[in-house]
Amino acid sequence: MIRYILVQNRQGKTRLSKWYVPFDDDEKIRIRGEVHRTIAPRDQKYQSNFVEFRNHKLVYRRYAGLFFCFCVDANDNELMYLEGIHLFVEVLDAFFGNVCELDLVFNFYKAYTILDECFLAGEIEETSKSIILERLERLDKLD
């Protein structure tokens, strides 16, 4: 199960966060800082995209200047969540047309809608990029 999803830039500014397990606000701030300090200095060439964090695992991937990070249960399949991150980024890219950090900042409500179409209640909801984009297109027509 996914405990939380964080999208942070290289400076540690959180651009998107979704919490599936309750934490108080102080703990969320502490976690955001610890996660960034844990994954930002890691070498992409020689270190894996998985790291132990507290009693869980962080599965992360860096795309351009953004870190997409999932905190998952220690016994879950890391590769499945790595694929989930990649799917989420592909859907963002297809929806926004070459997505960048500013798209997440200025269209955060659309980014959260995309996140909710991919992941629901801490689990991967849909794995088909075309189905997700079709749903998003229908939702976009409602506006």
N, C-alpha and C. Protein backbone atom coordinates (compact mmCIF):
# COMPACT_ATOMS: atom_id res chain seq x y z
N MET A 1 0.83 -1.19 0.00
CA MET A 1 0.00 0.00 0.00
C MET A 1 0.88 1.25 0.00
N ILE A 2 0.43 2.23 -0.75
CA ILE A 2 1.12 3.52 -0.78
C ILE A 2 0.70 4.30 0.46
N ARG A 3 1.67 4.77 1.22
CA ARG A 3 1.38 5.57 2.41
C ARG A 3 1.25 7.04 2.05
N TYR A 4 2.13 7.53 1.17
CA TYR A 4 2.00 8.89 0.67
C TYR A 4 2.80 9.04 -0.62
N ILE A 5 2.43 10.07 -1.38
CA ILE A 5 3.09 10.39 -2.64
C ILE A 5 3.58 11.83 -2.52
N LEU A 6 4.83 12.05 -2.85
CA LEU A 6 5.40 13.40 -2.84
C LEU A 6 6.05 13.68 -4.19
N VAL A 7 5.83 14.86 -4.71
CA VAL A 7 6.55 15.34 -5.89
C VAL A 7 7.26 16.60 -5.44
N GLN A 8 8.59 16.55 -5.47
CA GLN A 8 9.39 17.67 -4.98
C GLN A 8 10.39 18.09 -6.05
N ASN A 9 10.74 19.37 -6.04
CA ASN A 9 11.78 19.82 -6.96
C ASN A 9 13.15 19.63 -6.31
N ARG A 10 14.20 20.00 -7.02
CA ARG A 10 15.56 19.76 -6.51
C ARG A 10 15.88 20.57 -5.26
N GLN A 11 15.16 21.67 -5.05
CA GLN A 11 15.39 22.49 -3.87
C GLN A 11 14.60 21.99 -2.65
N GLY A 12 13.75 21.00 -2.84
CA GLY A 12 12.99 20.44 -1.74
C GLY A 12 11.59 21.01 -1.58
N LYS A 13 11.20 21.85 -2.51
CA LYS A 13 9.85 22.42 -2.48
C LYS A 13 8.85 21.36 -2.96
N THR A 14 7.85 21.10 -2.15
CA THR A 14 6.86 20.09 -2.50
C THR A 14 5.85 20.68 -3.46
N ARG A 15 5.72 20.07 -4.62
CA ARG A 15 4.80 20.55 -5.64
C ARG A 15 3.48 19.78 -5.65
N LEU A 16 3.49 18.57 -5.11
CA LEU A 16 2.30 17.75 -5.08
C LEU A 16 2.47 16.77 -3.93
N SER A 17 1.45 16.60 -3.12
CA SER A 17 1.53 15.61 -2.05
C SER A 17 0.16 15.00 -1.83
N LYS A 18 0.15 13.71 -1.61
CA LYS A 18 -1.10 12.99 -1.34
C LYS A 18 -0.81 12.03 -0.20
N TRP A 19 -1.59 12.11 0.86
CA TRP A 19 -1.37 11.30 2.05
C TRP A 19 -2.51 10.29 2.18
N TYR A 20 -2.17 9.03 2.21
CA TYR A 20 -3.18 7.97 2.34
C TYR A 20 -3.24 7.41 3.76
N VAL A 21 -2.31 7.84 4.60
CA VAL A 21 -2.27 7.46 6.01
C VAL A 21 -2.28 8.76 6.80
N PRO A 22 -3.06 8.84 7.87
CA PRO A 22 -3.14 10.11 8.60
C PRO A 22 -1.84 10.46 9.34
N PHE A 23 -1.38 11.68 9.14
CA PHE A 23 -0.25 12.26 9.86
C PHE A 23 -0.68 13.66 10.30
N ASP A 24 -0.17 14.14 11.43
CA ASP A 24 -0.47 15.52 11.79
C ASP A 24 0.43 16.45 10.97
N ASP A 25 0.11 17.73 10.96
CA ASP A 25 0.80 18.68 10.08
C ASP A 25 2.29 18.78 10.37
N ASP A 26 2.68 18.77 11.64
CA ASP A 26 4.10 18.84 11.98
C ASP A 26 4.86 17.63 11.45
N GLU A 27 4.24 16.47 11.56
CA GLU A 27 4.88 15.25 11.07
C GLU A 27 5.02 15.27 9.54
N LYS A 28 4.01 15.80 8.86
CA LYS A 28 4.09 15.91 7.39
C LYS A 28 5.26 16.80 6.97
N ILE A 29 5.44 17.91 7.66
CA ILE A 29 6.55 18.82 7.34
C ILE A 29 7.88 18.11 7.58
N ARG A 30 7.98 17.40 8.70
CA ARG A 30 9.20 16.66 9.02
C ARG A 30 9.49 15.58 7.96
N ILE A 31 8.45 14.87 7.56
CA ILE A 31 8.61 13.80 6.56
C ILE A 31 9.07 14.38 5.23
N ARG A 32 8.45 15.49 4.81
CA ARG A 32 8.86 16.11 3.53
C ARG A 32 10.34 16.45 3.53
N GLY A 33 10.81 17.03 4.62
CA GLY A 33 12.23 17.38 4.71
C GLY A 33 13.13 16.16 4.73
N GLU A 34 12.77 15.16 5.52
CA GLU A 34 13.58 13.94 5.61
C GLU A 34 13.64 13.21 4.27
N VAL A 35 12.50 13.14 3.60
CA VAL A 35 12.47 12.45 2.29
C VAL A 35 13.39 13.16 1.32
N HIS A 36 13.30 14.47 1.26
CA HIS A 36 14.16 15.20 0.33
C HIS A 36 15.64 15.03 0.66
N ARG A 37 15.97 15.11 1.95
CA ARG A 37 17.37 14.94 2.34
C ARG A 37 17.86 13.51 2.08
N THR A 38 16.95 12.56 2.03
CA THR A 38 17.33 11.17 1.77
C THR A 38 17.56 10.91 0.29
N ILE A 39 16.66 11.39 -0.57
CA ILE A 39 16.75 11.01 -1.98
C ILE A 39 17.50 11.99 -2.86
N ALA A 40 17.55 13.27 -2.51
CA ALA A 40 18.19 14.27 -3.38
C ALA A 40 19.68 14.02 -3.61
N PRO A 41 20.46 13.68 -2.58
CA PRO A 41 21.90 13.52 -2.84
C PRO A 41 22.29 12.17 -3.45
N ARG A 42 21.34 11.25 -3.63
CA ARG A 42 21.68 9.93 -4.14
C ARG A 42 22.11 10.00 -5.60
N ASP A 43 23.09 9.18 -5.95
CA ASP A 43 23.64 9.13 -7.30
C ASP A 43 22.74 8.27 -8.17
N GLN A 44 22.23 8.83 -9.27
CA GLN A 44 21.31 8.10 -10.14
C GLN A 44 21.99 6.95 -10.88
N LYS A 45 23.26 7.08 -11.16
CA LYS A 45 23.95 6.05 -11.94
C LYS A 45 24.29 4.82 -11.11
N TYR A 46 24.67 5.01 -9.87
CA TYR A 46 25.23 3.89 -9.10
C TYR A 46 24.38 3.45 -7.91
N GLN A 47 23.26 4.10 -7.68
CA GLN A 47 22.40 3.71 -6.56
C GLN A 47 20.99 3.44 -7.08
N SER A 48 20.29 2.53 -6.43
CA SER A 48 18.96 2.15 -6.89
C SER A 48 17.92 3.22 -6.57
N ASN A 49 16.73 3.03 -7.08
CA ASN A 49 15.64 3.96 -6.84
C ASN A 49 14.80 3.56 -5.64
N PHE A 50 15.32 2.68 -4.81
CA PHE A 50 14.62 2.22 -3.61
C PHE A 50 15.52 2.48 -2.42
N VAL A 51 14.93 2.94 -1.34
CA VAL A 51 15.71 3.18 -0.13
C VAL A 51 14.82 2.92 1.09
N GLU A 52 15.41 2.31 2.11
CA GLU A 52 14.69 2.08 3.36
C GLU A 52 14.48 3.43 4.04
N PHE A 53 13.26 3.63 4.55
CA PHE A 53 12.94 4.89 5.22
C PHE A 53 12.02 4.57 6.39
N ARG A 54 12.53 4.80 7.59
CA ARG A 54 11.82 4.41 8.80
C ARG A 54 11.51 2.92 8.71
N ASN A 55 10.27 2.50 8.79
CA ASN A 55 9.95 1.08 8.66
C ASN A 55 9.32 0.75 7.31
N HIS A 56 9.55 1.63 6.34
CA HIS A 56 8.93 1.48 5.01
C HIS A 56 10.00 1.64 3.94
N LYS A 57 9.57 1.69 2.69
CA LYS A 57 10.48 1.90 1.57
C LYS A 57 10.06 3.14 0.81
N LEU A 58 11.05 3.88 0.36
CA LEU A 58 10.81 4.97 -0.57
C LEU A 58 11.14 4.45 -1.96
N VAL A 59 10.21 4.60 -2.87
CA VAL A 59 10.43 4.27 -4.28
C VAL A 59 10.34 5.61 -5.00
N TYR A 60 11.41 6.00 -5.69
CA TYR A 60 11.41 7.33 -6.29
C TYR A 60 12.03 7.28 -7.67
N ARG A 61 11.76 8.31 -8.43
CA ARG A 61 12.36 8.45 -9.74
C ARG A 61 12.48 9.94 -10.02
N ARG A 62 13.58 10.32 -10.62
CA ARG A 62 13.78 11.73 -10.95
C ARG A 62 13.53 11.94 -12.43
N TYR A 63 12.65 12.87 -12.73
CA TYR A 63 12.38 13.29 -14.10
C TYR A 63 12.68 14.77 -14.17
N ALA A 64 13.67 15.12 -15.01
CA ALA A 64 14.13 16.51 -15.14
C ALA A 64 14.46 17.05 -13.76
N GLY A 65 13.77 18.07 -13.29
CA GLY A 65 14.08 18.66 -11.99
C GLY A 65 13.14 18.23 -10.88
N LEU A 66 12.33 17.20 -11.11
CA LEU A 66 11.35 16.78 -10.11
C LEU A 66 11.61 15.36 -9.63
N PHE A 67 11.45 15.16 -8.33
CA PHE A 67 11.52 13.83 -7.73
C PHE A 67 10.10 13.35 -7.46
N PHE A 68 9.72 12.23 -8.05
CA PHE A 68 8.43 11.59 -7.79
C PHE A 68 8.70 10.47 -6.81
N CYS A 69 8.13 10.55 -5.63
CA CYS A 69 8.47 9.63 -4.54
C CYS A 69 7.22 9.01 -3.93
N PHE A 70 7.24 7.69 -3.79
CA PHE A 70 6.18 6.95 -3.11
C PHE A 70 6.77 6.33 -1.87
N CYS A 71 6.06 6.41 -0.77
CA CYS A 71 6.43 5.65 0.43
C CYS A 71 5.47 4.47 0.48
N VAL A 72 6.04 3.26 0.45
CA VAL A 72 5.22 2.04 0.39
C VAL A 72 5.61 1.11 1.54
N ASP A 73 4.76 0.13 1.77
CA ASP A 73 5.05 -0.87 2.80
C ASP A 73 6.33 -1.62 2.45
N ALA A 74 7.04 -2.07 3.47
CA ALA A 74 8.35 -2.70 3.28
C ALA A 74 8.28 -3.99 2.47
N ASN A 75 7.16 -4.70 2.51
CA ASN A 75 7.09 -5.98 1.81
C ASN A 75 6.42 -5.87 0.44
N ASP A 76 6.11 -4.67 -0.03
CA ASP A 76 5.48 -4.49 -1.35
C ASP A 76 6.52 -4.58 -2.47
N ASN A 77 6.03 -4.81 -3.68
CA ASN A 77 6.89 -4.93 -4.85
C ASN A 77 7.30 -3.54 -5.35
N GLU A 78 8.59 -3.25 -5.25
CA GLU A 78 9.09 -1.92 -5.60
C GLU A 78 8.95 -1.64 -7.09
N LEU A 79 9.15 -2.65 -7.93
CA LEU A 79 9.10 -2.43 -9.37
C LEU A 79 7.70 -2.04 -9.84
N MET A 80 6.69 -2.57 -9.18
CA MET A 80 5.32 -2.22 -9.52
C MET A 80 5.09 -0.72 -9.28
N TYR A 81 5.61 -0.22 -8.18
CA TYR A 81 5.42 1.21 -7.87
C TYR A 81 6.31 2.09 -8.75
N LEU A 82 7.47 1.58 -9.14
CA LEU A 82 8.31 2.32 -10.07
C LEU A 82 7.60 2.48 -11.41
N GLU A 83 6.93 1.41 -11.84
CA GLU A 83 6.11 1.48 -13.06
C GLU A 83 4.94 2.43 -12.88
N GLY A 84 4.36 2.45 -11.67
CA GLY A 84 3.26 3.38 -11.38
C GLY A 84 3.71 4.82 -11.49
N ILE A 85 4.92 5.12 -11.00
CA ILE A 85 5.47 6.47 -11.14
C ILE A 85 5.63 6.83 -12.61
N HIS A 86 6.17 5.88 -13.37
CA HIS A 86 6.39 6.13 -14.80
C HIS A 86 5.06 6.36 -15.53
N LEU A 87 4.05 5.57 -15.20
CA LEU A 87 2.73 5.75 -15.80
C LEU A 87 2.17 7.13 -15.46
N PHE A 88 2.28 7.53 -14.21
CA PHE A 88 1.79 8.84 -13.78
C PHE A 88 2.47 9.96 -14.56
N VAL A 89 3.79 9.86 -14.73
CA VAL A 89 4.53 10.89 -15.47
C VAL A 89 4.13 10.87 -16.95
N GLU A 90 3.94 9.68 -17.52
CA GLU A 90 3.52 9.60 -18.92
C GLU A 90 2.14 10.24 -19.12
N VAL A 91 1.22 9.99 -18.19
CA VAL A 91 -0.11 10.58 -18.29
C VAL A 91 -0.03 12.10 -18.15
N LEU A 92 0.75 12.58 -17.19
CA LEU A 92 0.95 14.03 -17.04
C LEU A 92 1.50 14.62 -18.33
N ASP A 93 2.49 13.94 -18.90
CA ASP A 93 3.13 14.43 -20.12
C ASP A 93 2.15 14.47 -21.29
N ALA A 94 1.33 13.43 -21.42
CA ALA A 94 0.36 13.39 -22.52
C ALA A 94 -0.75 14.43 -22.31
N PHE A 95 -1.16 14.62 -21.07
CA PHE A 95 -2.26 15.54 -20.77
C PHE A 95 -1.83 17.00 -20.96
N PHE A 96 -0.66 17.35 -20.42
CA PHE A 96 -0.20 18.73 -20.49
C PHE A 96 0.63 19.01 -21.74
N GLY A 97 1.10 17.98 -22.41
CA GLY A 97 1.96 18.18 -23.58
C GLY A 97 3.33 18.64 -23.14
N ASN A 98 4.20 17.71 -22.84
CA ASN A 98 5.55 17.99 -22.35
C ASN A 98 5.46 18.74 -21.01
N VAL A 99 5.06 18.03 -19.98
CA VAL A 99 4.80 18.60 -18.66
C VAL A 99 6.07 19.20 -18.05
N CYS A 100 5.90 20.27 -17.30
CA CYS A 100 7.01 20.86 -16.56
C CYS A 100 6.50 21.22 -15.16
N GLU A 101 7.42 21.66 -14.32
CA GLU A 101 7.08 21.99 -12.93
C GLU A 101 5.99 23.05 -12.85
N LEU A 102 6.02 24.03 -13.74
CA LEU A 102 5.02 25.09 -13.72
C LEU A 102 3.61 24.59 -14.00
N ASP A 103 3.50 23.52 -14.81
CA ASP A 103 2.18 22.92 -15.05
C ASP A 103 1.59 22.40 -13.75
N LEU A 104 2.43 21.81 -12.91
CA LEU A 104 1.96 21.29 -11.63
C LEU A 104 1.59 22.42 -10.67
N VAL A 105 2.32 23.52 -10.76
CA VAL A 105 2.07 24.65 -9.86
C VAL A 105 0.78 25.38 -10.25
N PHE A 106 0.63 25.70 -11.53
CA PHE A 106 -0.51 26.51 -11.95
C PHE A 106 -1.77 25.70 -12.26
N ASN A 107 -1.63 24.40 -12.47
CA ASN A 107 -2.78 23.53 -12.74
C ASN A 107 -2.83 22.40 -11.72
N PHE A 108 -2.62 22.74 -10.45
CA PHE A 108 -2.53 21.71 -9.42
C PHE A 108 -3.81 20.90 -9.30
N TYR A 109 -4.97 21.52 -9.53
CA TYR A 109 -6.22 20.79 -9.43
C TYR A 109 -6.32 19.71 -10.51
N LYS A 110 -5.79 19.98 -11.70
CA LYS A 110 -5.76 18.97 -12.76
C LYS A 110 -4.74 17.88 -12.42
N ALA A 111 -3.62 18.27 -11.84
CA ALA A 111 -2.61 17.30 -11.45
C ALA A 111 -3.15 16.35 -10.39
N TYR A 112 -3.91 16.87 -9.43
CA TYR A 112 -4.52 16.02 -8.42
C TYR A 112 -5.59 15.11 -9.01
N THR A 113 -6.32 15.60 -10.01
CA THR A 113 -7.31 14.77 -10.69
C THR A 113 -6.63 13.60 -11.39
N ILE A 114 -5.51 13.88 -12.05
CA ILE A 114 -4.75 12.82 -12.73
C ILE A 114 -4.23 11.82 -11.70
N LEU A 115 -3.73 12.34 -10.58
CA LEU A 115 -3.24 11.47 -9.52
C LEU A 115 -4.35 10.55 -9.01
N ASP A 116 -5.55 11.11 -8.83
CA ASP A 116 -6.68 10.31 -8.35
C ASP A 116 -7.16 9.30 -9.38
N GLU A 117 -6.96 9.58 -10.65
CA GLU A 117 -7.34 8.61 -11.69
C GLU A 117 -6.36 7.44 -11.72
N CYS A 118 -5.11 7.68 -11.33
CA CYS A 118 -4.09 6.62 -11.34
C CYS A 118 -4.06 5.83 -10.04
N PHE A 119 -4.20 6.52 -8.92
CA PHE A 119 -4.05 5.89 -7.61
C PHE A 119 -5.25 6.24 -6.74
N LEU A 120 -5.78 5.23 -6.07
CA LEU A 120 -6.96 5.43 -5.25
C LEU A 120 -6.77 4.69 -3.93
N ALA A 121 -6.93 5.41 -2.84
CA ALA A 121 -6.86 4.83 -1.49
C ALA A 121 -5.54 4.08 -1.25
N GLY A 122 -4.46 4.58 -1.81
CA GLY A 122 -3.15 3.98 -1.56
C GLY A 122 -2.84 2.77 -2.42
N GLU A 123 -3.62 2.53 -3.45
CA GLU A 123 -3.38 1.41 -4.37
C GLU A 123 -3.42 1.93 -5.80
N ILE A 124 -2.78 1.18 -6.70
CA ILE A 124 -2.82 1.54 -8.11
C ILE A 124 -4.20 1.20 -8.64
N GLU A 125 -4.90 2.22 -9.14
CA GLU A 125 -6.28 2.01 -9.60
C GLU A 125 -6.33 1.57 -11.05
N GLU A 126 -5.64 2.28 -11.92
CA GLU A 126 -5.71 2.00 -13.35
C GLU A 126 -4.31 1.98 -13.94
N THR A 127 -4.06 1.02 -14.82
CA THR A 127 -2.72 0.89 -15.42
C THR A 127 -2.72 1.19 -16.91
N SER A 128 -3.86 1.51 -17.46
CA SER A 128 -3.94 1.79 -18.89
C SER A 128 -3.91 3.30 -19.13
N LYS A 129 -2.87 3.73 -19.80
CA LYS A 129 -2.71 5.15 -20.09
C LYS A 129 -3.86 5.67 -20.94
N SER A 130 -4.30 4.90 -21.93
CA SER A 130 -5.37 5.36 -22.82
C SER A 130 -6.70 5.51 -22.08
N ILE A 131 -7.00 4.60 -21.16
CA ILE A 131 -8.24 4.69 -20.39
C ILE A 131 -8.21 5.92 -19.48
N ILE A 132 -7.07 6.15 -18.84
CA ILE A 132 -6.94 7.32 -17.96
C ILE A 132 -7.12 8.61 -18.76
N LEU A 133 -6.46 8.70 -19.93
CA LEU A 133 -6.57 9.90 -20.75
C LEU A 133 -7.99 10.10 -21.28
N GLU A 134 -8.67 9.00 -21.58
CA GLU A 134 -10.05 9.08 -22.03
C GLU A 134 -10.95 9.65 -20.92
N ARG A 135 -10.75 9.17 -19.70
CA ARG A 135 -11.53 9.68 -18.55
C ARG A 135 -11.24 11.16 -18.31
N LEU A 136 -9.96 11.53 -18.41
CA LEU A 136 -9.58 12.92 -18.19
C LEU A 136 -10.17 13.83 -19.27
N GLU A 137 -10.23 13.33 -20.49
CA GLU A 137 -10.82 14.11 -21.57
C GLU A 137 -12.30 14.35 -21.31
N ARG A 138 -13.00 13.32 -20.82
CA ARG A 138 -14.42 13.46 -20.47
C ARG A 138 -14.59 14.49 -19.34
N LEU A 139 -13.72 14.41 -18.33
CA LEU A 139 -13.80 15.36 -17.22
C LEU A 139 -13.50 16.78 -17.67
N ASP A 140 -12.56 16.91 -18.60
CA ASP A 140 -12.18 18.23 -19.11
C ASP A 140 -13.34 18.87 -19.89
N LYS A 141 -14.15 18.04 -20.55
CA LYS A 141 -15.29 18.57 -21.31
C LYS A 141 -16.37 19.13 -20.38
N LEU A 142 -16.40 18.65 -19.13
CA LEU A 142 -17.40 19.13 -18.18
C LEU A 142 -17.14 20.56 -17.74
N ASP A 143 -15.89 21.00 -17.82
CA ASP A 143 -15.53 22.37 -17.38
C ASP A 143 -16.02 23.43 -18.31
